Amino acid sequence: MRARVLAVVEETPGIILSDIARNLGITRNAATYQVRVLAQSKLLTVVRENGIVRAYLPGVRHSCASSGI
């Protein structure tokens, strides 16, 4: 599942959690868990932007103010 999450984020940098869930056919809670584990392992960068959580691969440039789920 984590490999699928990484593939979706690689395909769509800055994707929001609900879109990850929709693309993979999983619940938003499951997507949140998978993204959190990947972020803790430094395989994803998670950015909270105006209350919306976006996921990026490390090193991908983004214009965010704060990070974290």
N, C-alpha and C. Protein backbone atom coordinates (compact mmCIF):
# COMPACT_ATOMS: atom_id res chain seq x y z
N MET A 1 0.82 -1.20 0.00
CA MET A 1 0.00 0.00 0.00
C MET A 1 0.87 1.26 0.00
N ARG A 2 1.95 1.26 0.78
CA ARG A 2 2.79 2.46 0.84
C ARG A 2 3.43 2.75 -0.51
N ALA A 3 3.80 1.70 -1.24
CA ALA A 3 4.37 1.90 -2.57
C ALA A 3 3.34 2.55 -3.50
N ARG A 4 2.08 2.17 -3.34
CA ARG A 4 1.02 2.76 -4.16
C ARG A 4 0.82 4.24 -3.80
N VAL A 5 0.88 4.55 -2.51
CA VAL A 5 0.76 5.94 -2.07
C VAL A 5 1.91 6.76 -2.66
N LEU A 6 3.13 6.25 -2.57
CA LEU A 6 4.28 6.95 -3.14
C LEU A 6 4.11 7.18 -4.63
N ALA A 7 3.60 6.18 -5.34
CA ALA A 7 3.39 6.31 -6.78
C ALA A 7 2.38 7.41 -7.11
N VAL A 8 1.30 7.48 -6.32
CA VAL A 8 0.27 8.51 -6.54
C VAL A 8 0.86 9.90 -6.27
N VAL A 9 1.64 10.03 -5.21
CA VAL A 9 2.24 11.32 -4.87
C VAL A 9 3.28 11.71 -5.93
N GLU A 10 4.02 10.75 -6.42
CA GLU A 10 5.00 11.05 -7.47
C GLU A 10 4.30 11.53 -8.74
N GLU A 11 3.17 10.93 -9.04
CA GLU A 11 2.40 11.30 -10.22
C GLU A 11 1.74 12.67 -10.08
N THR A 12 1.34 13.00 -8.84
CA THR A 12 0.62 14.26 -8.59
C THR A 12 1.20 14.94 -7.36
N PRO A 13 2.33 15.62 -7.48
CA PRO A 13 2.91 16.31 -6.32
C PRO A 13 1.93 17.32 -5.73
N GLY A 14 1.83 17.34 -4.41
CA GLY A 14 0.92 18.26 -3.74
C GLY A 14 -0.49 17.73 -3.63
N ILE A 15 -0.67 16.46 -3.93
CA ILE A 15 -2.00 15.85 -3.86
C ILE A 15 -2.51 15.90 -2.42
N ILE A 16 -3.81 16.10 -2.27
CA ILE A 16 -4.40 16.16 -0.93
C ILE A 16 -4.83 14.76 -0.49
N LEU A 17 -4.96 14.57 0.81
CA LEU A 17 -5.25 13.25 1.37
C LEU A 17 -6.52 12.62 0.81
N SER A 18 -7.57 13.39 0.65
CA SER A 18 -8.82 12.81 0.15
C SER A 18 -8.65 12.31 -1.28
N ASP A 19 -7.82 12.96 -2.07
CA ASP A 19 -7.57 12.50 -3.44
C ASP A 19 -6.71 11.24 -3.46
N ILE A 20 -5.76 11.14 -2.52
CA ILE A 20 -4.99 9.90 -2.39
C ILE A 20 -5.95 8.76 -2.08
N ALA A 21 -6.82 8.97 -1.11
CA ALA A 21 -7.79 7.94 -0.72
C ALA A 21 -8.67 7.55 -1.90
N ARG A 22 -9.19 8.52 -2.62
CA ARG A 22 -10.07 8.26 -3.76
C ARG A 22 -9.34 7.48 -4.84
N ASN A 23 -8.12 7.90 -5.17
CA ASN A 23 -7.35 7.24 -6.23
C ASN A 23 -7.03 5.79 -5.89
N LEU A 24 -6.83 5.50 -4.61
CA LEU A 24 -6.45 4.15 -4.19
C LEU A 24 -7.62 3.31 -3.71
N GLY A 25 -8.79 3.91 -3.60
CA GLY A 25 -9.96 3.16 -3.14
C GLY A 25 -9.88 2.77 -1.68
N ILE A 26 -9.30 3.68 -0.86
CA ILE A 26 -9.18 3.44 0.58
C ILE A 26 -9.86 4.58 1.32
N THR A 27 -10.04 4.42 2.62
CA THR A 27 -10.65 5.49 3.40
C THR A 27 -9.65 6.63 3.60
N ARG A 28 -10.18 7.79 3.93
CA ARG A 28 -9.29 8.93 4.20
C ARG A 28 -8.42 8.63 5.43
N ASN A 29 -8.99 7.95 6.42
CA ASN A 29 -8.21 7.60 7.60
C ASN A 29 -7.05 6.68 7.24
N ALA A 30 -7.28 5.73 6.35
CA ALA A 30 -6.21 4.84 5.90
C ALA A 30 -5.14 5.62 5.15
N ALA A 31 -5.57 6.56 4.32
CA ALA A 31 -4.61 7.40 3.59
C ALA A 31 -3.80 8.24 4.56
N THR A 32 -4.45 8.80 5.57
CA THR A 32 -3.75 9.60 6.57
C THR A 32 -2.70 8.76 7.29
N TYR A 33 -3.07 7.56 7.67
CA TYR A 33 -2.12 6.68 8.36
C TYR A 33 -0.91 6.36 7.48
N GLN A 34 -1.17 5.98 6.23
CA GLN A 34 -0.08 5.61 5.33
C GLN A 34 0.84 6.80 5.07
N VAL A 35 0.26 7.97 4.86
CA VAL A 35 1.05 9.18 4.62
C VAL A 35 1.86 9.53 5.86
N ARG A 36 1.27 9.40 7.04
CA ARG A 36 1.99 9.71 8.28
C ARG A 36 3.21 8.78 8.44
N VAL A 37 3.02 7.49 8.20
CA VAL A 37 4.13 6.53 8.31
C VAL A 37 5.23 6.87 7.30
N LEU A 38 4.85 7.19 6.08
CA LEU A 38 5.83 7.54 5.06
C LEU A 38 6.56 8.83 5.40
N ALA A 39 5.85 9.79 5.97
CA ALA A 39 6.47 11.07 6.36
C ALA A 39 7.45 10.85 7.52
N GLN A 40 7.07 10.01 8.48
CA GLN A 40 7.97 9.73 9.60
C GLN A 40 9.23 9.01 9.13
N SER A 41 9.11 8.26 8.05
CA SER A 41 10.27 7.56 7.47
C SER A 41 11.04 8.43 6.49
N LYS A 42 10.62 9.70 6.37
CA LYS A 42 11.26 10.67 5.48
C LYS A 42 11.14 10.31 4.00
N LEU A 43 10.11 9.52 3.66
CA LEU A 43 9.87 9.16 2.26
C LEU A 43 8.88 10.10 1.61
N LEU A 44 8.17 10.88 2.42
CA LEU A 44 7.25 11.92 1.95
C LEU A 44 7.46 13.17 2.77
N THR A 45 7.14 14.29 2.17
CA THR A 45 7.06 15.55 2.89
C THR A 45 5.59 15.93 2.93
N VAL A 46 5.10 16.25 4.11
CA VAL A 46 3.70 16.60 4.30
C VAL A 46 3.62 18.06 4.67
N VAL A 47 2.71 18.78 4.01
CA VAL A 47 2.58 20.21 4.21
C VAL A 47 1.12 20.55 4.50
N ARG A 48 0.91 21.31 5.56
CA ARG A 48 -0.44 21.80 5.87
C ARG A 48 -0.52 23.23 5.33
N GLU A 49 -1.47 23.44 4.45
CA GLU A 49 -1.62 24.72 3.77
C GLU A 49 -3.07 25.17 3.89
N ASN A 50 -3.33 26.17 4.70
CA ASN A 50 -4.69 26.65 4.94
C ASN A 50 -5.62 25.53 5.37
N GLY A 51 -5.14 24.64 6.23
CA GLY A 51 -5.95 23.55 6.74
C GLY A 51 -6.01 22.33 5.83
N ILE A 52 -5.37 22.39 4.68
CA ILE A 52 -5.37 21.28 3.74
C ILE A 52 -4.00 20.62 3.79
N VAL A 53 -4.00 19.28 3.93
CA VAL A 53 -2.75 18.53 3.99
C VAL A 53 -2.39 18.07 2.59
N ARG A 54 -1.17 18.41 2.17
CA ARG A 54 -0.67 18.01 0.85
C ARG A 54 0.58 17.16 1.02
N ALA A 55 0.77 16.23 0.11
CA ALA A 55 1.92 15.32 0.17
C ALA A 55 2.82 15.54 -1.04
N TYR A 56 4.12 15.54 -0.78
CA TYR A 56 5.14 15.70 -1.81
C TYR A 56 6.23 14.67 -1.58
N LEU A 57 6.95 14.32 -2.62
CA LEU A 57 8.16 13.54 -2.45
C LEU A 57 9.24 14.47 -1.92
N PRO A 58 10.17 13.97 -1.14
CA PRO A 58 11.24 14.83 -0.62
C PRO A 58 12.00 15.48 -1.77
N GLY A 59 12.34 16.74 -1.59
CA GLY A 59 13.10 17.46 -2.60
C GLY A 59 12.24 18.15 -3.64
N VAL A 60 10.94 17.85 -3.68
CA VAL A 60 10.06 18.52 -4.63
C VAL A 60 9.75 19.90 -4.07
N ARG A 61 9.93 20.91 -4.88
CA ARG A 61 9.71 22.28 -4.41
C ARG A 61 8.22 22.55 -4.26
N HIS A 62 7.89 23.23 -3.18
CA HIS A 62 6.50 23.62 -2.93
C HIS A 62 6.52 24.94 -2.18
N SER A 63 5.43 25.66 -2.27
CA SER A 63 5.36 26.98 -1.64
C SER A 63 4.46 26.92 -0.40
N CYS A 64 4.95 26.27 0.64
CA CYS A 64 4.12 26.10 1.83
C CYS A 64 4.69 26.89 3.00
N ALA A 65 3.85 27.09 3.97
CA ALA A 65 4.28 27.83 5.15
C ALA A 65 4.64 26.91 6.30
N SER A 66 3.88 25.84 6.49
CA SER A 66 4.14 24.96 7.63
C SER A 66 4.04 23.50 7.19
N SER A 67 4.67 22.62 7.96
CA SER A 67 4.61 21.20 7.60
C SER A 67 4.06 20.40 8.76
N GLY A 68 3.57 19.21 8.45
CA GLY A 68 3.05 18.30 9.47
C GLY A 68 1.60 17.94 9.26
N ILE A 69 1.25 16.78 9.74
CA ILE A 69 -0.15 16.34 9.66
C ILE A 69 -0.85 16.75 10.93
